[in-house]
Amino acid sequence: MARKPSTTKPSRTAGGALTHIGASGEARMVDVSDKPATERLAVAEGRVIMTKATLDLIVSGNAKKGDVLGTARIAGIMAAKRTSELIPLCHPLALSKVTVDIEPDPKLPGCLVRASVKVTGPTGVEMEALTAVSVACLTIYDMIKAVERGVRIEGIHLVEKLGGKSGHYRG
């Protein structure tokens, strides 16, 4: 399915330069101290594709390593909270809400992973939502890799972003 083009522009200064790159090309953390604290929300999703037999094993709760979906949910939430430790130049944020929903989908077959992250602060939570989805997908893979090595993680993307100067984005 073709994706709609983004209605928002890349993070740039008034002069058009990228905000995480200094005049000499050095990486830097953006100063957000003058930005107002507003409510911000980001939603991301991805898919873990596997055989129907592997999906059935997950849904039945009989995976050798335990509760695959429950463990992946917790891993995704933990990852969102630690995004600034994993992604260079991300601001540490006091997240107010993180949800990770995982829906088994026999049509894929596989799991649809969706994370929603909320904060009231001076910067957005897109990276936290994307990190939550990525780690939840990786956790599903880790817990079933002994059964099926050909599992694929695909389609991780930002679905929606609300709040802040750049406004509403829907992918």
N, C-alpha and C. Protein backbone atom coordinates (compact mmCIF):
# COMPACT_ATOMS: atom_id res chain seq x y z
N MET A 1 0.83 -1.16 0.00
CA MET A 1 0.00 0.00 0.00
C MET A 1 0.89 1.24 0.00
N ALA A 2 0.62 2.20 -0.85
CA ALA A 2 1.42 3.41 -0.94
C ALA A 2 1.18 4.28 0.28
N ARG A 3 2.25 4.88 0.78
CA ARG A 3 2.16 5.76 1.95
C ARG A 3 1.95 7.19 1.49
N LYS A 4 1.14 7.92 2.25
CA LYS A 4 0.95 9.33 1.97
C LYS A 4 2.20 10.09 2.35
N PRO A 5 2.57 11.14 1.60
CA PRO A 5 3.73 11.92 1.98
C PRO A 5 3.48 12.64 3.30
N SER A 6 4.56 12.88 4.04
CA SER A 6 4.48 13.56 5.33
C SER A 6 4.00 14.99 5.13
N THR A 7 3.17 15.44 6.06
CA THR A 7 2.72 16.83 6.03
C THR A 7 3.59 17.70 6.91
N THR A 8 4.58 17.11 7.57
CA THR A 8 5.49 17.87 8.41
C THR A 8 6.87 17.88 7.78
N LYS A 9 7.66 18.87 8.16
CA LYS A 9 9.00 19.00 7.63
C LYS A 9 10.00 18.43 8.61
N PRO A 10 11.20 18.06 8.13
CA PRO A 10 12.24 17.58 9.05
C PRO A 10 12.56 18.66 10.07
N SER A 11 13.06 18.26 11.23
CA SER A 11 13.42 19.19 12.29
C SER A 11 14.58 20.05 11.82
N ARG A 12 14.30 21.32 11.59
CA ARG A 12 15.31 22.25 11.07
C ARG A 12 15.22 23.57 11.81
N THR A 13 16.31 24.33 11.77
CA THR A 13 16.30 25.67 12.33
C THR A 13 15.65 26.61 11.34
N ALA A 14 15.48 27.87 11.75
CA ALA A 14 14.87 28.86 10.85
C ALA A 14 15.65 29.00 9.55
N GLY A 15 16.98 28.79 9.61
CA GLY A 15 17.80 28.89 8.41
C GLY A 15 17.78 27.65 7.54
N GLY A 16 17.10 26.60 7.96
CA GLY A 16 16.98 25.40 7.16
C GLY A 16 17.97 24.29 7.50
N ALA A 17 18.89 24.53 8.43
CA ALA A 17 19.87 23.50 8.80
C ALA A 17 19.23 22.48 9.74
N LEU A 18 19.73 21.25 9.70
CA LEU A 18 19.24 20.23 10.63
C LEU A 18 19.63 20.64 12.05
N THR A 19 18.73 20.42 13.01
CA THR A 19 18.94 20.91 14.37
C THR A 19 19.94 20.10 15.19
N HIS A 20 20.24 18.87 14.81
CA HIS A 20 21.16 18.04 15.58
C HIS A 20 22.59 18.09 15.05
N ILE A 21 22.84 18.97 14.08
CA ILE A 21 24.17 19.10 13.50
C ILE A 21 24.63 20.54 13.66
N GLY A 22 25.81 20.73 14.29
CA GLY A 22 26.36 22.06 14.49
C GLY A 22 26.96 22.62 13.22
N ALA A 23 27.41 23.88 13.29
CA ALA A 23 27.97 24.58 12.13
C ALA A 23 29.17 23.85 11.54
N SER A 24 29.93 23.16 12.38
CA SER A 24 31.11 22.43 11.90
C SER A 24 30.83 20.96 11.62
N GLY A 25 29.56 20.57 11.67
CA GLY A 25 29.18 19.19 11.39
C GLY A 25 29.14 18.29 12.60
N GLU A 26 29.38 18.84 13.79
CA GLU A 26 29.38 18.02 15.00
C GLU A 26 27.95 17.76 15.48
N ALA A 27 27.77 16.59 16.07
CA ALA A 27 26.47 16.23 16.64
C ALA A 27 26.24 17.03 17.91
N ARG A 28 25.00 17.41 18.15
CA ARG A 28 24.67 18.14 19.38
C ARG A 28 23.23 17.84 19.78
N MET A 29 22.97 17.97 21.06
CA MET A 29 21.62 17.80 21.58
C MET A 29 20.93 19.15 21.50
N VAL A 30 19.75 19.19 20.94
CA VAL A 30 19.01 20.43 20.75
C VAL A 30 18.60 21.00 22.10
N ASP A 31 18.71 22.31 22.25
CA ASP A 31 18.27 23.00 23.47
C ASP A 31 16.77 23.24 23.38
N VAL A 32 16.01 22.59 24.25
CA VAL A 32 14.55 22.74 24.24
C VAL A 32 14.05 23.54 25.44
N SER A 33 14.98 24.19 26.15
CA SER A 33 14.60 24.88 27.39
C SER A 33 13.65 26.05 27.17
N ASP A 34 13.64 26.66 26.00
CA ASP A 34 12.72 27.77 25.73
C ASP A 34 11.38 27.32 25.16
N LYS A 35 11.24 26.05 24.88
CA LYS A 35 9.98 25.55 24.31
C LYS A 35 8.96 25.31 25.42
N PRO A 36 7.70 25.63 25.17
CA PRO A 36 6.69 25.41 26.21
C PRO A 36 6.40 23.92 26.38
N ALA A 37 6.07 23.54 27.61
CA ALA A 37 5.66 22.15 27.88
C ALA A 37 4.22 22.00 27.42
N THR A 38 4.01 21.15 26.44
CA THR A 38 2.67 20.87 25.94
C THR A 38 2.45 19.37 25.96
N GLU A 39 1.18 18.97 25.90
CA GLU A 39 0.88 17.54 25.85
C GLU A 39 1.22 17.03 24.46
N ARG A 40 1.95 15.92 24.43
CA ARG A 40 2.39 15.33 23.17
C ARG A 40 2.11 13.83 23.19
N LEU A 41 1.75 13.31 22.04
CA LEU A 41 1.43 11.90 21.90
C LEU A 41 2.04 11.39 20.60
N ALA A 42 2.56 10.19 20.64
CA ALA A 42 3.05 9.54 19.42
C ALA A 42 2.59 8.09 19.42
N VAL A 43 2.23 7.61 18.24
CA VAL A 43 1.81 6.23 18.05
C VAL A 43 2.66 5.64 16.93
N ALA A 44 3.20 4.45 17.17
CA ALA A 44 4.00 3.75 16.17
C ALA A 44 3.52 2.31 16.09
N GLU A 45 3.84 1.67 14.98
CA GLU A 45 3.49 0.25 14.85
C GLU A 45 4.48 -0.48 13.96
N GLY A 46 4.43 -1.80 14.08
CA GLY A 46 5.24 -2.69 13.27
C GLY A 46 4.63 -4.08 13.28
N ARG A 47 5.20 -4.97 12.50
CA ARG A 47 4.66 -6.34 12.40
C ARG A 47 5.77 -7.36 12.58
N VAL A 48 5.39 -8.49 13.16
CA VAL A 48 6.28 -9.64 13.24
C VAL A 48 5.60 -10.75 12.45
N ILE A 49 6.21 -11.15 11.35
CA ILE A 49 5.62 -12.13 10.43
C ILE A 49 6.23 -13.51 10.70
N MET A 50 5.37 -14.52 10.77
CA MET A 50 5.81 -15.89 11.09
C MET A 50 4.85 -16.88 10.45
N THR A 51 5.12 -18.16 10.61
CA THR A 51 4.20 -19.16 10.10
C THR A 51 2.97 -19.24 11.02
N LYS A 52 1.90 -19.80 10.48
CA LYS A 52 0.69 -19.98 11.26
C LYS A 52 0.94 -20.88 12.47
N ALA A 53 1.77 -21.90 12.31
CA ALA A 53 2.06 -22.82 13.41
C ALA A 53 2.75 -22.10 14.57
N THR A 54 3.66 -21.20 14.25
CA THR A 54 4.35 -20.44 15.30
C THR A 54 3.38 -19.48 15.98
N LEU A 55 2.54 -18.82 15.20
CA LEU A 55 1.54 -17.93 15.78
C LEU A 55 0.60 -18.71 16.69
N ASP A 56 0.18 -19.88 16.26
CA ASP A 56 -0.70 -20.71 17.10
C ASP A 56 -0.02 -21.06 18.43
N LEU A 57 1.27 -21.32 18.39
CA LEU A 57 2.03 -21.62 19.61
C LEU A 57 2.02 -20.42 20.57
N ILE A 58 2.20 -19.23 20.01
CA ILE A 58 2.17 -18.02 20.83
C ILE A 58 0.79 -17.81 21.45
N VAL A 59 -0.24 -17.90 20.63
CA VAL A 59 -1.61 -17.65 21.09
C VAL A 59 -2.04 -18.68 22.13
N SER A 60 -1.61 -19.92 21.98
CA SER A 60 -1.99 -20.97 22.94
C SER A 60 -1.27 -20.82 24.27
N GLY A 61 -0.22 -20.02 24.29
CA GLY A 61 0.55 -19.84 25.53
C GLY A 61 1.53 -20.95 25.80
N ASN A 62 1.85 -21.75 24.78
CA ASN A 62 2.72 -22.91 24.97
C ASN A 62 4.16 -22.72 24.49
N ALA A 63 4.56 -21.48 24.28
CA ALA A 63 5.95 -21.24 23.87
C ALA A 63 6.88 -21.64 25.01
N LYS A 64 7.99 -22.26 24.67
CA LYS A 64 8.93 -22.78 25.67
C LYS A 64 9.43 -21.70 26.62
N LYS A 65 9.64 -20.48 26.13
CA LYS A 65 10.17 -19.40 26.97
C LYS A 65 9.10 -18.70 27.79
N GLY A 66 7.83 -19.05 27.61
CA GLY A 66 6.77 -18.45 28.43
C GLY A 66 5.82 -17.56 27.65
N ASP A 67 5.23 -16.60 28.34
CA ASP A 67 4.22 -15.70 27.78
C ASP A 67 4.87 -14.70 26.83
N VAL A 68 4.85 -15.02 25.55
CA VAL A 68 5.52 -14.20 24.54
C VAL A 68 4.92 -12.80 24.48
N LEU A 69 3.61 -12.70 24.38
CA LEU A 69 2.99 -11.39 24.21
C LEU A 69 3.12 -10.53 25.46
N GLY A 70 2.93 -11.11 26.64
CA GLY A 70 3.09 -10.36 27.88
C GLY A 70 4.51 -9.87 28.08
N THR A 71 5.47 -10.71 27.79
CA THR A 71 6.87 -10.33 27.92
C THR A 71 7.22 -9.23 26.93
N ALA A 72 6.73 -9.34 25.70
CA ALA A 72 7.01 -8.32 24.68
C ALA A 72 6.39 -6.97 25.07
N ARG A 73 5.19 -6.99 25.65
CA ARG A 73 4.56 -5.74 26.11
C ARG A 73 5.44 -5.04 27.15
N ILE A 74 5.88 -5.80 28.15
CA ILE A 74 6.73 -5.24 29.20
C ILE A 74 8.04 -4.72 28.62
N ALA A 75 8.65 -5.49 27.71
CA ALA A 75 9.91 -5.06 27.09
C ALA A 75 9.72 -3.75 26.33
N GLY A 76 8.62 -3.62 25.62
CA GLY A 76 8.35 -2.39 24.87
C GLY A 76 8.19 -1.19 25.79
N ILE A 77 7.47 -1.37 26.88
CA ILE A 77 7.28 -0.28 27.84
C ILE A 77 8.63 0.12 28.46
N MET A 78 9.40 -0.87 28.86
CA MET A 78 10.72 -0.59 29.43
C MET A 78 11.61 0.14 28.43
N ALA A 79 11.55 -0.25 27.18
CA ALA A 79 12.38 0.37 26.14
C ALA A 79 12.00 1.83 25.94
N ALA A 80 10.70 2.12 25.92
CA ALA A 80 10.26 3.51 25.75
C ALA A 80 10.86 4.39 26.85
N LYS A 81 10.89 3.87 28.07
CA LYS A 81 11.40 4.64 29.21
C LYS A 81 12.91 4.85 29.13
N ARG A 82 13.61 4.03 28.34
CA ARG A 82 15.07 4.12 28.27
C ARG A 82 15.57 4.62 26.91
N THR A 83 14.70 5.20 26.12
CA THR A 83 15.08 5.62 24.77
C THR A 83 16.28 6.56 24.76
N SER A 84 16.33 7.50 25.68
CA SER A 84 17.45 8.45 25.68
C SER A 84 18.79 7.78 25.96
N GLU A 85 18.77 6.58 26.54
CA GLU A 85 20.01 5.83 26.77
C GLU A 85 20.42 5.03 25.53
N LEU A 86 19.49 4.83 24.62
CA LEU A 86 19.75 4.00 23.44
C LEU A 86 19.99 4.82 22.18
N ILE A 87 19.30 5.94 22.04
CA ILE A 87 19.37 6.75 20.82
C ILE A 87 20.15 8.03 21.15
N PRO A 88 21.30 8.23 20.51
CA PRO A 88 22.08 9.43 20.79
C PRO A 88 21.27 10.70 20.55
N LEU A 89 21.46 11.66 21.41
CA LEU A 89 20.90 13.01 21.31
C LEU A 89 19.42 13.10 21.66
N CYS A 90 18.78 12.00 22.07
CA CYS A 90 17.40 12.06 22.54
C CYS A 90 17.38 12.60 23.97
N HIS A 91 16.40 13.44 24.25
CA HIS A 91 16.25 13.98 25.60
C HIS A 91 15.62 12.95 26.52
N PRO A 92 16.09 12.85 27.77
CA PRO A 92 15.39 12.00 28.73
C PRO A 92 14.06 12.66 29.09
N LEU A 93 13.00 11.89 29.08
CA LEU A 93 11.66 12.45 29.30
C LEU A 93 10.95 11.71 30.43
N ALA A 94 10.14 12.45 31.17
CA ALA A 94 9.30 11.85 32.21
C ALA A 94 7.98 11.46 31.54
N LEU A 95 7.92 10.27 30.99
CA LEU A 95 6.74 9.83 30.24
C LEU A 95 5.56 9.68 31.19
N SER A 96 4.39 10.12 30.72
CA SER A 96 3.19 10.01 31.56
C SER A 96 2.38 8.77 31.24
N LYS A 97 2.57 8.20 30.04
CA LYS A 97 1.83 6.99 29.68
C LYS A 97 2.54 6.27 28.54
N VAL A 98 2.63 4.95 28.66
CA VAL A 98 3.14 4.11 27.58
C VAL A 98 2.24 2.88 27.51
N THR A 99 1.70 2.62 26.34
CA THR A 99 0.96 1.37 26.14
C THR A 99 1.56 0.64 24.94
N VAL A 100 1.62 -0.66 25.06
CA VAL A 100 2.07 -1.51 23.95
C VAL A 100 0.98 -2.57 23.77
N ASP A 101 0.34 -2.54 22.63
CA ASP A 101 -0.72 -3.50 22.31
C ASP A 101 -0.21 -4.43 21.22
N ILE A 102 -0.43 -5.72 21.42
CA ILE A 102 0.02 -6.72 20.44
C ILE A 102 -1.18 -7.58 20.07
N GLU A 103 -1.52 -7.55 18.79
CA GLU A 103 -2.66 -8.31 18.29
C GLU A 103 -2.20 -9.43 17.37
N PRO A 104 -2.43 -10.67 17.75
CA PRO A 104 -2.16 -11.76 16.82
C PRO A 104 -3.08 -11.61 15.60
N ASP A 105 -2.53 -11.79 14.43
CA ASP A 105 -3.30 -11.64 13.19
C ASP A 105 -3.07 -12.86 12.31
N PRO A 106 -4.05 -13.77 12.25
CA PRO A 106 -3.87 -14.98 11.44
C PRO A 106 -3.74 -14.70 9.95
N LYS A 107 -4.18 -13.52 9.49
CA LYS A 107 -4.07 -13.19 8.06
C LYS A 107 -2.63 -12.90 7.66
N LEU A 108 -1.79 -12.43 8.58
CA LEU A 108 -0.40 -12.12 8.22
C LEU A 108 0.38 -13.38 7.80
N PRO A 109 0.48 -14.44 8.49
CA PRO A 109 0.23 -14.60 9.91
C PRO A 109 1.35 -13.95 10.73
N GLY A 110 0.97 -13.48 11.90
CA GLY A 110 1.94 -12.84 12.78
C GLY A 110 1.26 -11.94 13.79
N CYS A 111 2.02 -10.96 14.28
CA CYS A 111 1.52 -10.06 15.31
C CYS A 111 1.68 -8.61 14.86
N LEU A 112 0.65 -7.82 15.10
CA LEU A 112 0.71 -6.38 14.89
C LEU A 112 1.04 -5.75 16.24
N VAL A 113 2.11 -4.99 16.29
CA VAL A 113 2.57 -4.36 17.53
C VAL A 113 2.35 -2.86 17.38
N ARG A 114 1.67 -2.27 18.38
CA ARG A 114 1.35 -0.83 18.34
C ARG A 114 1.67 -0.23 19.69
N ALA A 115 2.44 0.86 19.69
CA ALA A 115 2.79 1.55 20.93
C ALA A 115 2.27 2.98 20.89
N SER A 116 1.81 3.43 22.03
CA SER A 116 1.35 4.81 22.20
C SER A 116 2.09 5.39 23.40
N VAL A 117 2.69 6.55 23.21
CA VAL A 117 3.48 7.19 24.27
C VAL A 117 3.01 8.62 24.43
N LYS A 118 2.88 9.04 25.69
CA LYS A 118 2.36 10.38 26.01
C LYS A 118 3.28 11.07 27.00
N VAL A 119 3.44 12.38 26.84
CA VAL A 119 4.24 13.19 27.75
C VAL A 119 3.70 14.62 27.74
N THR A 120 3.90 15.33 28.80
CA THR A 120 3.74 16.77 28.79
C THR A 120 5.13 17.34 28.95
N GLY A 121 5.63 17.95 27.90
CA GLY A 121 7.00 18.42 27.92
C GLY A 121 7.33 19.26 26.71
N PRO A 122 8.62 19.66 26.58
CA PRO A 122 9.03 20.55 25.50
C PRO A 122 9.46 19.85 24.21
N THR A 123 9.40 18.54 24.19
CA THR A 123 9.82 17.81 22.98
C THR A 123 8.97 16.56 22.80
N GLY A 124 8.91 16.08 21.59
CA GLY A 124 8.02 14.97 21.24
C GLY A 124 8.49 13.60 21.68
N VAL A 125 7.64 12.61 21.49
CA VAL A 125 7.89 11.25 21.94
C VAL A 125 7.86 10.23 20.79
N GLU A 126 8.14 10.70 19.57
CA GLU A 126 8.16 9.78 18.43
C GLU A 126 9.19 8.68 18.61
N MET A 127 10.38 9.05 19.05
CA MET A 127 11.44 8.05 19.21
C MET A 127 11.10 7.04 20.29
N GLU A 128 10.41 7.47 21.33
CA GLU A 128 10.01 6.55 22.39
C GLU A 128 9.00 5.54 21.87
N ALA A 129 8.03 6.00 21.06
CA ALA A 129 7.03 5.08 20.49
C ALA A 129 7.70 4.10 19.52
N LEU A 130 8.59 4.59 18.68
CA LEU A 130 9.28 3.73 17.72
C LEU A 130 10.20 2.73 18.43
N THR A 131 10.85 3.16 19.50
CA THR A 131 11.71 2.26 20.27
C THR A 131 10.89 1.17 20.95
N ALA A 132 9.74 1.56 21.51
CA ALA A 132 8.86 0.58 22.16
C ALA A 132 8.44 -0.51 21.18
N VAL A 133 8.02 -0.12 19.99
CA VAL A 133 7.60 -1.09 18.97
C VAL A 133 8.78 -1.97 18.56
N SER A 134 9.93 -1.36 18.32
CA SER A 134 11.10 -2.12 17.88
C SER A 134 11.49 -3.19 18.89
N VAL A 135 11.57 -2.81 20.16
CA VAL A 135 12.00 -3.76 21.19
C VAL A 135 10.92 -4.82 21.44
N ALA A 136 9.66 -4.46 21.38
CA ALA A 136 8.60 -5.46 21.52
C ALA A 136 8.69 -6.49 20.39
N CYS A 137 8.92 -6.02 19.17
CA CYS A 137 9.07 -6.94 18.03
C CYS A 137 10.31 -7.83 18.21
N LEU A 138 11.40 -7.25 18.63
CA LEU A 138 12.62 -8.03 18.86
C LEU A 138 12.41 -9.08 19.96
N THR A 139 11.64 -8.74 20.97
CA THR A 139 11.37 -9.68 22.06
C THR A 139 10.55 -10.86 21.56
N ILE A 140 9.55 -10.59 20.73
CA ILE A 140 8.77 -11.68 20.14
C ILE A 140 9.71 -12.60 19.36
N TYR A 141 10.57 -12.00 18.54
CA TYR A 141 11.53 -12.80 17.76
C TYR A 141 12.39 -13.65 18.69
N ASP A 142 12.94 -13.02 19.73
CA ASP A 142 13.84 -13.74 20.64
C ASP A 142 13.14 -14.93 21.29
N MET A 143 11.88 -14.77 21.64
CA MET A 143 11.18 -15.82 22.36
C MET A 143 10.73 -16.98 21.48
N ILE A 144 10.72 -16.77 20.14
CA ILE A 144 10.26 -17.85 19.25
C ILE A 144 11.31 -18.31 18.25
N LYS A 145 12.51 -17.73 18.32
CA LYS A 145 13.54 -18.06 17.33
C LYS A 145 13.95 -19.52 17.33
N ALA A 146 13.81 -20.19 18.47
CA ALA A 146 14.16 -21.62 18.52
C ALA A 146 13.16 -22.46 17.72
N VAL A 147 11.96 -21.97 17.58
CA VAL A 147 10.90 -22.67 16.84
C VAL A 147 10.96 -22.32 15.35
N GLU A 148 11.25 -21.04 15.06
CA GLU A 148 11.25 -20.58 13.66
C GLU A 148 12.29 -19.48 13.47
N ARG A 149 13.29 -19.77 12.69
CA ARG A 149 14.36 -18.78 12.44
C ARG A 149 13.98 -17.77 11.36
N GLY A 150 13.01 -18.07 10.54
CA GLY A 150 12.66 -17.21 9.42
C GLY A 150 11.67 -16.11 9.73
N VAL A 151 11.48 -15.81 11.00
CA VAL A 151 10.55 -14.74 11.40
C VAL A 151 11.09 -13.41 10.87
N ARG A 152 10.18 -12.54 10.41
CA ARG A 152 10.56 -11.23 9.89
C ARG A 152 9.91 -10.12 10.70
N ILE A 153 10.67 -9.08 10.95
CA ILE A 153 10.15 -7.86 11.56
C ILE A 153 10.06 -6.84 10.44
N GLU A 154 8.88 -6.24 10.26
CA GLU A 154 8.70 -5.31 9.15
C GLU A 154 7.81 -4.14 9.52
N GLY A 155 7.92 -3.13 8.68
CA GLY A 155 6.95 -2.04 8.68
C GLY A 155 6.94 -1.16 9.92
N ILE A 156 8.04 -1.07 10.63
CA ILE A 156 8.04 -0.19 11.81
C ILE A 156 7.99 1.25 11.33
N HIS A 157 6.98 1.98 11.80
CA HIS A 157 6.80 3.36 11.34
C HIS A 157 5.97 4.16 12.33
N LEU A 158 6.07 5.48 12.21
CA LEU A 158 5.25 6.40 12.99
C LEU A 158 3.88 6.48 12.35
N VAL A 159 2.85 6.25 13.15
CA VAL A 159 1.47 6.29 12.67
C VAL A 159 0.87 7.67 12.87
N GLU A 160 1.16 8.25 14.04
CA GLU A 160 0.53 9.52 14.37
C GLU A 160 1.37 10.25 15.41
N LYS A 161 1.33 11.58 15.33
CA LYS A 161 2.00 12.44 16.29
C LYS A 161 1.11 13.64 16.54
N LEU A 162 0.91 13.96 17.81
CA LEU A 162 0.10 15.12 18.20
C LEU A 162 0.88 16.00 19.14
N GLY A 163 0.68 17.31 19.02
CA GLY A 163 1.27 18.26 19.95
C GLY A 163 2.54 18.88 19.43
N GLY A 164 2.93 19.96 20.08
CA GLY A 164 4.14 20.66 19.70
C GLY A 164 3.92 21.60 18.54
N LYS A 165 4.98 22.30 18.20
CA LYS A 165 4.94 23.33 17.16
C LYS A 165 4.56 22.78 15.78
N SER A 166 5.03 21.57 15.47
CA SER A 166 4.78 21.03 14.13
C SER A 166 3.36 20.47 13.96
N GLY A 167 2.60 20.41 15.05
CA GLY A 167 1.18 20.04 14.94
C GLY A 167 0.93 18.57 14.78
N HIS A 168 -0.15 18.25 14.09
CA HIS A 168 -0.65 16.88 13.95
C HIS A 168 -0.07 16.24 12.69
N TYR A 169 0.48 15.05 12.87
CA TYR A 169 0.96 14.25 11.74
C TYR A 169 0.22 12.93 11.78
N ARG A 170 -0.22 12.48 10.63
CA ARG A 170 -0.83 11.16 10.52
C ARG A 170 -0.23 10.52 9.28
N GLY A 171 0.44 9.36 9.48
CA GLY A 171 1.13 8.67 8.38
C GLY A 171 0.24 7.75 7.60
